[in-house]
Amino acid sequence: MNCPVCDDIRMREVDKEGVTIDVCPQCKGVWLDRGELDKLMGGMREIRDDFNDWHRERYKDDYYRKDDSKYYHKKKRKKNFLDRIGDIFD
């Protein structure tokens, strides 16, 4: 098969993880046939799911729950002149 970009250049077939990938040696373009991307991504999904399971076990859900008010400090009100004088006599 010829490269659709370079026209006259014959693409090389490379086998990666049981999937045949067509690679142009000139422009380094990569082309996949129907269903080949799904095969490649299938392995990635398994790895991602394993990582997500490990991460959930390692870190508890409440660690990332930042919507709770205890994680945020309330802004302090600036003291005016009378408040500062009152602090002197406390």
C-alpha atoms as a PDB file:
ATOM      1  CA  MET A   1       0.000   0.000   0.000  1.00  0.00           C
ATOM      2  CA  ASN A   2       1.282   3.483  -0.847  1.00  0.00           C
ATOM      3  CA  CYS A   3       1.281   6.360   1.624  1.00  0.00           C
ATOM      4  CA  PRO A   4      -1.779   8.600   1.122  1.00  0.00           C
ATOM      5  CA  VAL A   5       0.330  11.690   1.919  1.00  0.00           C
ATOM      6  CA  CYS A   6       3.554  10.926   0.041  1.00  0.00           C
ATOM      7  CA  ASP A   7       1.813   9.103  -2.879  1.00  0.00           C
ATOM      8  CA  ASP A   8       4.802   7.210  -4.363  1.00  0.00           C
ATOM      9  CA  ILE A   9       6.279   5.864  -1.114  1.00  0.00           C
ATOM     10  CA  ARG A  10       5.485   2.282  -0.165  1.00  0.00           C
ATOM     11  CA  MET A  11       4.488   1.900   3.499  1.00  0.00           C
ATOM     12  CA  ARG A  12       6.079  -0.680   5.780  1.00  0.00           C
ATOM     13  CA  GLU A  13       3.970  -3.063   7.831  1.00  0.00           C
ATOM     14  CA  VAL A  14       5.014  -3.290  11.470  1.00  0.00           C
ATOM     15  CA  ASP A  15       3.537  -5.813  13.899  1.00  0.00           C
ATOM     16  CA  LYS A  16       2.911  -4.391  17.387  1.00  0.00           C
ATOM     17  CA  GLU A  17       1.164  -6.514  20.007  1.00  0.00           C
ATOM     18  CA  GLY A  18      -0.589  -8.619  17.379  1.00  0.00           C
ATOM     19  CA  VAL A  19      -1.771  -5.591  15.383  1.00  0.00           C
ATOM     20  CA  THR A  20      -0.369  -4.766  11.947  1.00  0.00           C
ATOM     21  CA  ILE A  21       0.404  -1.052  11.660  1.00  0.00           C
ATOM     22  CA  ASP A  22       1.244   0.633   8.337  1.00  0.00           C
ATOM     23  CA  VAL A  23       4.073   3.179   8.695  1.00  0.00           C
ATOM     24  CA  CYS A  24       5.413   5.542   6.025  1.00  0.00           C
ATOM     25  CA  PRO A  25       9.238   5.669   6.166  1.00  0.00           C
ATOM     26  CA  GLN A  26       9.321   9.207   4.735  1.00  0.00           C
ATOM     27  CA  CYS A  27       6.661  11.210   6.610  1.00  0.00           C
ATOM     28  CA  LYS A  28       6.467   8.785   9.579  1.00  0.00           C
ATOM     29  CA  GLY A  29       2.683   8.683   9.225  1.00  0.00           C
ATOM     30  CA  VAL A  30       0.878   5.796  10.899  1.00  0.00           C
ATOM     31  CA  TRP A  31      -2.269   4.202   9.480  1.00  0.00           C
ATOM     32  CA  LEU A  32      -4.461   1.578  11.060  1.00  0.00           C
ATOM     33  CA  ASP A  33      -7.061  -0.670   9.488  1.00  0.00           C
ATOM     34  CA  ARG A  34     -10.587  -0.954  10.854  1.00  0.00           C
ATOM     35  CA  GLY A  35     -10.639  -2.326  14.386  1.00  0.00           C
ATOM     36  CA  GLU A  36      -6.882  -2.126  14.961  1.00  0.00           C
ATOM     37  CA  LEU A  37      -7.097   0.946  17.177  1.00  0.00           C
ATOM     38  CA  ASP A  38      -9.700  -0.806  19.323  1.00  0.00           C
ATOM     39  CA  LYS A  39      -7.352  -3.775  19.732  1.00  0.00           C
ATOM     40  CA  LEU A  40      -4.509  -1.489  20.806  1.00  0.00           C
ATOM     41  CA  MET A  41      -6.737   0.486  23.162  1.00  0.00           C
ATOM     42  CA  GLY A  42      -8.189  -2.695  24.676  1.00  0.00           C
ATOM     43  CA  GLY A  43      -4.884  -3.424  26.378  1.00  0.00           C
ATOM     44  CA  MET A  44      -4.648   0.160  27.576  1.00  0.00           C
ATOM     45  CA  ARG A  45      -8.130  -0.026  29.115  1.00  0.00           C
ATOM     46  CA  GLU A  46      -7.120  -3.105  31.108  1.00  0.00           C
ATOM     47  CA  ILE A  47      -4.007  -1.359  32.408  1.00  0.00           C
ATOM     48  CA  ARG A  48      -5.986   1.789  33.242  1.00  0.00           C
ATOM     49  CA  ASP A  49      -8.667  -0.207  35.075  1.00  0.00           C
ATOM     50  CA  ASP A  50      -6.027  -2.054  37.093  1.00  0.00           C
ATOM     51  CA  PHE A  51      -4.382   1.245  38.016  1.00  0.00           C
ATOM     52  CA  ASN A  52      -7.715   2.822  38.994  1.00  0.00           C
ATOM     53  CA  ASP A  53      -8.537  -0.150  41.236  1.00  0.00           C
ATOM     54  CA  TRP A  54      -5.125   0.072  42.899  1.00  0.00           C
ATOM     55  CA  HIS A  55      -5.476   3.841  43.352  1.00  0.00           C
ATOM     56  CA  ARG A  56      -8.917   3.535  44.957  1.00  0.00           C
ATOM     57  CA  GLU A  57      -7.617   0.956  47.421  1.00  0.00           C
ATOM     58  CA  ARG A  58      -4.508   2.972  48.224  1.00  0.00           C
ATOM     59  CA  TYR A  59      -6.245   6.303  48.756  1.00  0.00           C
ATOM     60  CA  LYS A  60      -9.539   6.524  50.501  1.00  0.00           C
ATOM     61  CA  ASP A  61     -12.406   8.424  48.903  1.00  0.00           C
ATOM     62  CA  ASP A  62     -12.570  10.961  51.713  1.00  0.00           C
ATOM     63  CA  TYR A  63      -8.954  11.984  51.021  1.00  0.00           C
ATOM     64  CA  TYR A  64      -9.994  13.541  47.724  1.00  0.00           C
ATOM     65  CA  ARG A  65     -13.315  14.912  48.871  1.00  0.00           C
ATOM     66  CA  LYS A  66     -12.503  18.616  48.767  1.00  0.00           C
ATOM     67  CA  ASP A  67     -16.087  19.868  48.812  1.00  0.00           C
ATOM     68  CA  ASP A  68     -16.170  19.596  52.589  1.00  0.00           C
ATOM     69  CA  SER A  69     -15.794  22.903  54.413  1.00  0.00           C
ATOM     70  CA  LYS A  70     -12.969  21.619  56.622  1.00  0.00           C
ATOM     71  CA  TYR A  71     -10.622  21.693  53.620  1.00  0.00           C
ATOM     72  CA  TYR A  72     -11.120  25.383  52.980  1.00  0.00           C
ATOM     73  CA  HIS A  73     -10.252  28.253  55.232  1.00  0.00           C
ATOM     74  CA  LYS A  74     -12.735  31.041  55.528  1.00  0.00           C
ATOM     75  CA  LYS A  75     -11.480  34.475  54.625  1.00  0.00           C
ATOM     76  CA  LYS A  76     -10.676  36.597  57.613  1.00  0.00           C
ATOM     77  CA  ARG A  77     -12.342  39.933  57.898  1.00  0.00           C
ATOM     78  CA  LYS A  78      -9.964  42.863  57.919  1.00  0.00           C
ATOM     79  CA  LYS A  79      -9.901  44.635  61.223  1.00  0.00           C
ATOM     80  CA  ASN A  80     -10.753  48.273  61.266  1.00  0.00           C
ATOM     81  CA  PHE A  81      -9.164  50.854  63.529  1.00  0.00           C
ATOM     82  CA  LEU A  82     -11.594  50.331  66.435  1.00  0.00           C
ATOM     83  CA  ASP A  83     -11.091  46.552  66.357  1.00  0.00           C
ATOM     84  CA  ARG A  84      -7.330  47.019  66.598  1.00  0.00           C
ATOM     85  CA  ILE A  85      -7.697  49.366  69.571  1.00  0.00           C
ATOM     86  CA  GLY A  86      -9.995  46.815  71.197  1.00  0.00           C
ATOM     87  CA  ASP A  87      -7.301  44.136  70.748  1.00  0.00           C
ATOM     88  CA  ILE A  88      -4.875  46.277  72.732  1.00  0.00           C
ATOM     89  CA  PHE A  89      -7.156  46.279  75.777  1.00  0.00           C
ATOM     90  CA  ASP A  90      -8.058  42.555  75.663  1.00  0.00           C
END
